[in-house]
Amino acid sequence: MSGFTAKQHMGKQWDRPCAKGFSWVLARLLKYIVRWSARAGLYVALIVLTTLDGGCLWAPDIHERNSENQPPQLDYSLMEPDPDMVVVLTGPTVFSVASAVYDPDDPLDKLSYWWFVDYRQKQGAAMFGGPGYSQIQLDPCRYPQLSEPGKQHTLEVVVADPSGKVEYDASGNRKIEHAAIGLWVIQSKANCQ
């Protein structure tokens, strides 16, 4: 037997991988899987931590609510009648901004509405106004300044929030704060006899 004993021959046989058997192959495969999964797990953990930490490295956009009170706004396309046309008064006519008003800060029932006729032509106080006057019915025969047929006038509505003001200085000039203004050009053609 060329100098080898059976024990020596058996020892040499176990040193070769293909002779070690199926359990050895499984053990080596498991060792590689654990080693690669540990590396892959490390890479995944690194990616996750970098992604989560990105919020600290790059500040996200923060949209804070503006604490300053915003004035009311009017959508002129929803005002009635259409403010882009001369409104001809032949009798009592309703003017409304009820569906045209928007206020980002205050409920609509807290808004005040002040109505003016010909303010720019002759300075003076509002015809009427206050909370809840989002529409009026204007009858040209009830107001002498409107009863002259064919003459054009302006009708203004000032919509103010609770912090808004409509004030007059010593010379009668109007000062408006936190408010929106709607304007109509009106012309009387009513027969007021």
C-alpha atoms as a PDB file:
ATOM      1  CA  MET A   1       0.000   0.000   0.000  1.00  0.00           C
ATOM      2  CA  SER A   2       2.560   2.566  -0.772  1.00  0.00           C
ATOM      3  CA  GLY A   3       3.220   3.521   2.833  1.00  0.00           C
ATOM      4  CA  PHE A   4      -0.210   4.893   3.826  1.00  0.00           C
ATOM      5  CA  THR A   5      -2.372   3.440   6.485  1.00  0.00           C
ATOM      6  CA  ALA A   6      -6.123   3.462   6.311  1.00  0.00           C
ATOM      7  CA  LYS A   7      -6.263   6.097   9.015  1.00  0.00           C
ATOM      8  CA  GLN A   8      -3.903   8.381   7.103  1.00  0.00           C
ATOM      9  CA  HIS A   9      -5.795   7.760   3.924  1.00  0.00           C
ATOM     10  CA  MET A  10      -9.058   8.642   5.657  1.00  0.00           C
ATOM     11  CA  GLY A  11      -7.504  11.844   7.075  1.00  0.00           C
ATOM     12  CA  LYS A  12      -6.463  12.998   3.626  1.00  0.00           C
ATOM     13  CA  GLN A  13      -9.868  12.274   2.305  1.00  0.00           C
ATOM     14  CA  TRP A  14     -11.552  14.615   4.783  1.00  0.00           C
ATOM     15  CA  ASP A  15      -9.242  17.514   3.841  1.00  0.00           C
ATOM     16  CA  ARG A  16     -10.739  17.750   0.379  1.00  0.00           C
ATOM     17  CA  PRO A  17     -13.996  19.785   0.140  1.00  0.00           C
ATOM     18  CA  CYS A  18     -15.839  17.357  -2.090  1.00  0.00           C
ATOM     19  CA  ALA A  19     -15.133  14.589   0.332  1.00  0.00           C
ATOM     20  CA  LYS A  20     -16.458  16.421   3.365  1.00  0.00           C
ATOM     21  CA  GLY A  21     -20.096  15.824   2.549  1.00  0.00           C
ATOM     22  CA  PHE A  22     -23.263  17.723   2.293  1.00  0.00           C
ATOM     23  CA  SER A  23     -23.279  19.156   5.835  1.00  0.00           C
ATOM     24  CA  TRP A  24     -19.952  20.868   5.257  1.00  0.00           C
ATOM     25  CA  VAL A  25     -21.263  22.511   2.051  1.00  0.00           C
ATOM     26  CA  LEU A  26     -24.355  23.726   3.894  1.00  0.00           C
ATOM     27  CA  ALA A  27     -22.232  25.105   6.726  1.00  0.00           C
ATOM     28  CA  ARG A  28     -20.005  27.048   4.291  1.00  0.00           C
ATOM     29  CA  LEU A  29     -23.033  28.328   2.358  1.00  0.00           C
ATOM     30  CA  LEU A  30     -24.676  29.467   5.573  1.00  0.00           C
ATOM     31  CA  LYS A  31     -21.451  31.231   6.589  1.00  0.00           C
ATOM     32  CA  TYR A  32     -21.389  33.159   3.268  1.00  0.00           C
ATOM     33  CA  ILE A  33     -25.082  34.021   3.540  1.00  0.00           C
ATOM     34  CA  VAL A  34     -24.663  35.350   7.078  1.00  0.00           C
ATOM     35  CA  ARG A  35     -21.562  37.325   6.088  1.00  0.00           C
ATOM     36  CA  TRP A  36     -23.271  38.866   2.997  1.00  0.00           C
ATOM     37  CA  SER A  37     -26.547  39.490   4.775  1.00  0.00           C
ATOM     38  CA  ALA A  38     -24.684  41.249   7.569  1.00  0.00           C
ATOM     39  CA  ARG A  39     -22.988  43.446   4.956  1.00  0.00           C
ATOM     40  CA  ALA A  40     -26.263  43.973   3.078  1.00  0.00           C
ATOM     41  CA  GLY A  41     -28.026  44.739   6.370  1.00  0.00           C
ATOM     42  CA  LEU A  42     -25.311  47.251   7.163  1.00  0.00           C
ATOM     43  CA  TYR A  43     -25.760  48.912   3.769  1.00  0.00           C
ATOM     44  CA  VAL A  44     -29.549  48.981   4.163  1.00  0.00           C
ATOM     45  CA  ALA A  45     -29.231  50.430   7.659  1.00  0.00           C
ATOM     46  CA  LEU A  46     -26.791  53.054   6.364  1.00  0.00           C
ATOM     47  CA  ILE A  47     -29.196  54.069   3.577  1.00  0.00           C
ATOM     48  CA  VAL A  48     -32.176  54.224   5.943  1.00  0.00           C
ATOM     49  CA  LEU A  49     -30.293  56.287   8.527  1.00  0.00           C
ATOM     50  CA  THR A  50     -28.972  58.671   5.874  1.00  0.00           C
ATOM     51  CA  THR A  51     -32.448  59.120   4.455  1.00  0.00           C
ATOM     52  CA  LEU A  52     -34.036  59.701   7.852  1.00  0.00           C
ATOM     53  CA  ASP A  53     -31.250  62.017   8.922  1.00  0.00           C
ATOM     54  CA  GLY A  54     -31.637  64.031   5.721  1.00  0.00           C
ATOM     55  CA  GLY A  55     -34.416  65.993   7.409  1.00  0.00           C
ATOM     56  CA  CYS A  56     -31.897  67.268   9.910  1.00  0.00           C
ATOM     57  CA  LEU A  57     -29.274  68.059   7.311  1.00  0.00           C
ATOM     58  CA  TRP A  58     -31.630  69.823   4.888  1.00  0.00           C
ATOM     59  CA  ALA A  59     -34.396  71.760   6.585  1.00  0.00           C
ATOM     60  CA  PRO A  60     -37.783  71.007   5.048  1.00  0.00           C
ATOM     61  CA  ASP A  61     -40.026  73.817   3.824  1.00  0.00           C
ATOM     62  CA  ILE A  62     -42.154  74.976   6.711  1.00  0.00           C
ATOM     63  CA  HIS A  63     -45.368  76.732   5.781  1.00  0.00           C
ATOM     64  CA  GLU A  64     -46.443  78.500   8.907  1.00  0.00           C
ATOM     65  CA  ARG A  65     -49.740  80.266   9.052  1.00  0.00           C
ATOM     66  CA  ASN A  66     -49.352  83.973   8.734  1.00  0.00           C
ATOM     67  CA  SER A  67     -50.342  85.382  12.114  1.00  0.00           C
ATOM     68  CA  GLU A  68     -51.146  88.785  10.625  1.00  0.00           C
ATOM     69  CA  ASN A  69     -54.839  89.378  10.111  1.00  0.00           C
ATOM     70  CA  GLN A  70     -55.743  89.285   6.418  1.00  0.00           C
ATOM     71  CA  PRO A  71     -58.412  91.671   5.088  1.00  0.00           C
ATOM     72  CA  PRO A  72     -61.565  90.311   3.459  1.00  0.00           C
ATOM     73  CA  GLN A  73     -61.562  89.811  -0.293  1.00  0.00           C
ATOM     74  CA  LEU A  74     -64.238  90.306  -2.937  1.00  0.00           C
ATOM     75  CA  ASP A  75     -64.652  88.194  -6.053  1.00  0.00           C
ATOM     76  CA  TYR A  76     -66.023  90.751  -8.505  1.00  0.00           C
ATOM     77  CA  SER A  77     -67.374  88.033 -10.793  1.00  0.00           C
ATOM     78  CA  LEU A  78     -69.801  86.985  -8.018  1.00  0.00           C
ATOM     79  CA  MET A  79     -71.087  90.473  -7.165  1.00  0.00           C
ATOM     80  CA  GLU A  80     -74.698  91.143  -8.161  1.00  0.00           C
ATOM     81  CA  PRO A  81     -75.495  92.929 -10.423  1.00  0.00           C
ATOM     82  CA  ASP A  82     -72.405  92.759 -12.616  1.00  0.00           C
ATOM     83  CA  PRO A  83     -70.051  95.604 -11.569  1.00  0.00           C
ATOM     84  CA  ASP A  84     -68.433  95.712 -15.020  1.00  0.00           C
ATOM     85  CA  MET A  85     -71.567  97.239 -16.553  1.00  0.00           C
ATOM     86  CA  VAL A  86     -73.509 100.403 -15.809  1.00  0.00           C
ATOM     87  CA  VAL A  87     -76.508  99.359 -13.710  1.00  0.00           C
ATOM     88  CA  VAL A  88     -79.670 101.105 -14.890  1.00  0.00           C
ATOM     89  CA  LEU A  89     -82.131 101.738 -12.055  1.00  0.00           C
ATOM     90  CA  THR A  90     -85.728 101.676 -13.216  1.00  0.00           C
ATOM     91  CA  GLY A  91     -87.054 100.819  -9.779  1.00  0.00           C
ATOM     92  CA  PRO A  92     -85.886  99.102  -6.594  1.00  0.00           C
ATOM     93  CA  THR A  93     -82.732  97.083  -7.365  1.00  0.00           C
ATOM     94  CA  VAL A  94     -80.876  94.620  -5.139  1.00  0.00           C
ATOM     95  CA  PHE A  95     -77.084  94.934  -4.852  1.00  0.00           C
ATOM     96  CA  SER A  96     -75.312  92.021  -3.182  1.00  0.00           C
ATOM     97  CA  VAL A  97     -71.826  90.873  -2.252  1.00  0.00           C
ATOM     98  CA  ALA A  98     -73.072  87.991  -0.067  1.00  0.00           C
ATOM     99  CA  SER A  99     -71.612  85.249  -2.264  1.00  0.00           C
ATOM    100  CA  ALA A 100     -68.593  87.319  -3.341  1.00  0.00           C
ATOM    101  CA  VAL A 101     -66.993  87.822   0.089  1.00  0.00           C
ATOM    102  CA  TYR A 102     -64.160  85.682   1.406  1.00  0.00           C
ATOM    103  CA  ASP A 103     -62.203  86.267   4.609  1.00  0.00           C
ATOM    104  CA  PRO A 104     -59.402  83.834   5.502  1.00  0.00           C
ATOM    105  CA  ASP A 105     -59.385  84.860   9.172  1.00  0.00           C
ATOM    106  CA  ASP A 106     -62.888  85.744  10.306  1.00  0.00           C
ATOM    107  CA  PRO A 107     -66.339  84.185   9.988  1.00  0.00           C
ATOM    108  CA  LEU A 108     -68.528  86.013   7.493  1.00  0.00           C
ATOM    109  CA  ASP A 109     -71.116  86.977  10.121  1.00  0.00           C
ATOM    110  CA  LYS A 110     -68.437  89.077  11.875  1.00  0.00           C
ATOM    111  CA  LEU A 111     -67.883  91.305   8.823  1.00  0.00           C
ATOM    112  CA  SER A 112     -69.317  94.829   8.525  1.00  0.00           C
ATOM    113  CA  TYR A 113     -70.659  96.243   5.270  1.00  0.00           C
ATOM    114  CA  TRP A 114     -70.745 100.018   4.707  1.00  0.00           C
ATOM    115  CA  TRP A 115     -72.596 101.360   1.661  1.00  0.00           C
ATOM    116  CA  PHE A 116     -71.832 104.746   0.066  1.00  0.00           C
ATOM    117  CA  VAL A 117     -73.478 106.649  -2.802  1.00  0.00           C
ATOM    118  CA  ASP A 118     -71.382 109.243  -4.635  1.00  0.00           C
ATOM    119  CA  TYR A 119     -68.719 109.375  -1.944  1.00  0.00           C
ATOM    120  CA  ARG A 120     -66.093 110.752  -4.302  1.00  0.00           C
ATOM    121  CA  GLN A 121     -68.350 113.479  -5.698  1.00  0.00           C
ATOM    122  CA  LYS A 122     -69.407 114.745  -2.295  1.00  0.00           C
ATOM    123  CA  GLN A 123     -67.767 113.513   0.831  1.00  0.00           C
ATOM    124  CA  GLY A 124     -70.039 112.240   3.528  1.00  0.00           C
ATOM    125  CA  ALA A 125     -70.928 109.410   5.792  1.00  0.00           C
ATOM    126  CA  ALA A 126     -72.197 106.062   4.654  1.00  0.00           C
ATOM    127  CA  MET A 127     -75.865 105.747   3.736  1.00  0.00           C
ATOM    128  CA  PHE A 128     -76.103 102.778   6.057  1.00  0.00           C
ATOM    129  CA  GLY A 129     -74.132  99.769   7.128  1.00  0.00           C
ATOM    130  CA  GLY A 130     -73.027  97.419   9.822  1.00  0.00           C
ATOM    131  CA  PRO A 131     -72.806  93.676  10.399  1.00  0.00           C
ATOM    132  CA  GLY A 132     -75.070  91.645   8.147  1.00  0.00           C
ATOM    133  CA  TYR A 133     -75.659  94.232   5.417  1.00  0.00           C
ATOM    134  CA  SER A 134     -74.167  92.110   2.643  1.00  0.00           C
ATOM    135  CA  GLN A 135     -76.974  93.177   0.309  1.00  0.00           C
ATOM    136  CA  ILE A 136     -79.194  96.211  -0.060  1.00  0.00           C
ATOM    137  CA  GLN A 137     -82.209  97.177  -2.073  1.00  0.00           C
ATOM    138  CA  LEU A 138     -81.693 100.586  -3.613  1.00  0.00           C
ATOM    139  CA  ASP A 139     -84.782 102.512  -4.717  1.00  0.00           C
ATOM    140  CA  PRO A 140     -83.853 105.641  -6.711  1.00  0.00           C
ATOM    141  CA  CYS A 141     -87.180 107.295  -5.875  1.00  0.00           C
ATOM    142  CA  ARG A 142     -86.448 107.200  -2.123  1.00  0.00           C
ATOM    143  CA  TYR A 143     -83.164 109.104  -2.456  1.00  0.00           C
ATOM    144  CA  PRO A 144     -83.349 112.586  -4.017  1.00  0.00           C
ATOM    145  CA  GLN A 145     -79.740 112.439  -5.200  1.00  0.00           C
ATOM    146  CA  LEU A 146     -80.594 109.371  -7.333  1.00  0.00           C
ATOM    147  CA  SER A 147     -83.947 110.524  -8.664  1.00  0.00           C
ATOM    148  CA  GLU A 148     -82.554 112.707 -11.453  1.00  0.00           C
ATOM    149  CA  PRO A 149     -82.965 110.600 -14.630  1.00  0.00           C
ATOM    150  CA  GLY A 150     -79.877 109.906 -16.761  1.00  0.00           C
ATOM    151  CA  LYS A 151     -77.276 111.060 -14.238  1.00  0.00           C
ATOM    152  CA  GLN A 152     -74.575 108.537 -13.301  1.00  0.00           C
ATOM    153  CA  HIS A 153     -73.648 107.810  -9.697  1.00  0.00           C
ATOM    154  CA  THR A 154     -71.290 105.443  -7.888  1.00  0.00           C
ATOM    155  CA  LEU A 155     -72.364 102.914  -5.308  1.00  0.00           C
ATOM    156  CA  GLU A 156     -69.585 101.550  -3.107  1.00  0.00           C
ATOM    157  CA  VAL A 157     -69.576  98.832  -0.503  1.00  0.00           C
ATOM    158  CA  VAL A 158     -66.729  98.612   1.989  1.00  0.00           C
ATOM    159  CA  VAL A 159     -66.449  95.168   3.589  1.00  0.00           C
ATOM    160  CA  ALA A 160     -64.410  95.299   6.797  1.00  0.00           C
ATOM    161  CA  ASP A 161     -63.376  92.583   9.231  1.00  0.00           C
ATOM    162  CA  PRO A 162     -63.579  93.144  13.030  1.00  0.00           C
ATOM    163  CA  SER A 163     -60.160  94.816  13.053  1.00  0.00           C
ATOM    164  CA  GLY A 164     -61.052  96.907  10.010  1.00  0.00           C
ATOM    165  CA  LYS A 165     -61.932 100.574  10.154  1.00  0.00           C
ATOM    166  CA  VAL A 166     -63.826 103.110   8.121  1.00  0.00           C
ATOM    167  CA  GLU A 167     -62.910 106.460   9.638  1.00  0.00           C
ATOM    168  CA  TYR A 168     -63.031 110.090   8.599  1.00  0.00           C
ATOM    169  CA  ASP A 169     -60.354 112.697   9.216  1.00  0.00           C
ATOM    170  CA  ALA A 170     -61.052 116.349  10.047  1.00  0.00           C
ATOM    171  CA  SER A 171     -61.517 117.314   6.380  1.00  0.00           C
ATOM    172  CA  GLY A 172     -64.004 114.473   5.762  1.00  0.00           C
ATOM    173  CA  ASN A 173     -61.624 112.157   3.911  1.00  0.00           C
ATOM    174  CA  ARG A 174     -62.286 108.492   4.391  1.00  0.00           C
ATOM    175  CA  LYS A 175     -59.638 106.155   5.794  1.00  0.00           C
ATOM    176  CA  ILE A 176     -60.166 102.430   5.246  1.00  0.00           C
ATOM    177  CA  GLU A 177     -58.140  99.633   6.887  1.00  0.00           C
ATOM    178  CA  HIS A 178     -58.513  95.846   6.611  1.00  0.00           C
ATOM    179  CA  ALA A 179     -61.319  96.071   4.115  1.00  0.00           C
ATOM    180  CA  ALA A 180     -62.298  95.283   0.542  1.00  0.00           C
ATOM    181  CA  ILE A 181     -64.161  97.718  -1.708  1.00  0.00           C
ATOM    182  CA  GLY A 182     -66.779  96.900  -4.314  1.00  0.00           C
ATOM    183  CA  LEU A 183     -67.969  99.518  -6.780  1.00  0.00           C
ATOM    184  CA  TRP A 184     -70.880  99.884  -9.199  1.00  0.00           C
ATOM    185  CA  VAL A 185     -71.686 102.681 -11.616  1.00  0.00           C
ATOM    186  CA  ILE A 186     -75.423 103.267 -11.489  1.00  0.00           C
ATOM    187  CA  GLN A 187     -77.732 105.391 -13.626  1.00  0.00           C
ATOM    188  CA  SER A 188     -81.276 106.274 -12.708  1.00  0.00           C
ATOM    189  CA  LYS A 189     -83.998 105.974 -15.314  1.00  0.00           C
ATOM    190  CA  ALA A 190     -86.828 105.686 -12.841  1.00  0.00           C
ATOM    191  CA  ASN A 191     -89.983 107.729 -13.176  1.00  0.00           C
ATOM    192  CA  CYS A 192     -90.355 109.104  -9.652  1.00  0.00           C
ATOM    193  CA  GLN A 193     -93.520 111.238  -9.942  1.00  0.00           C
END
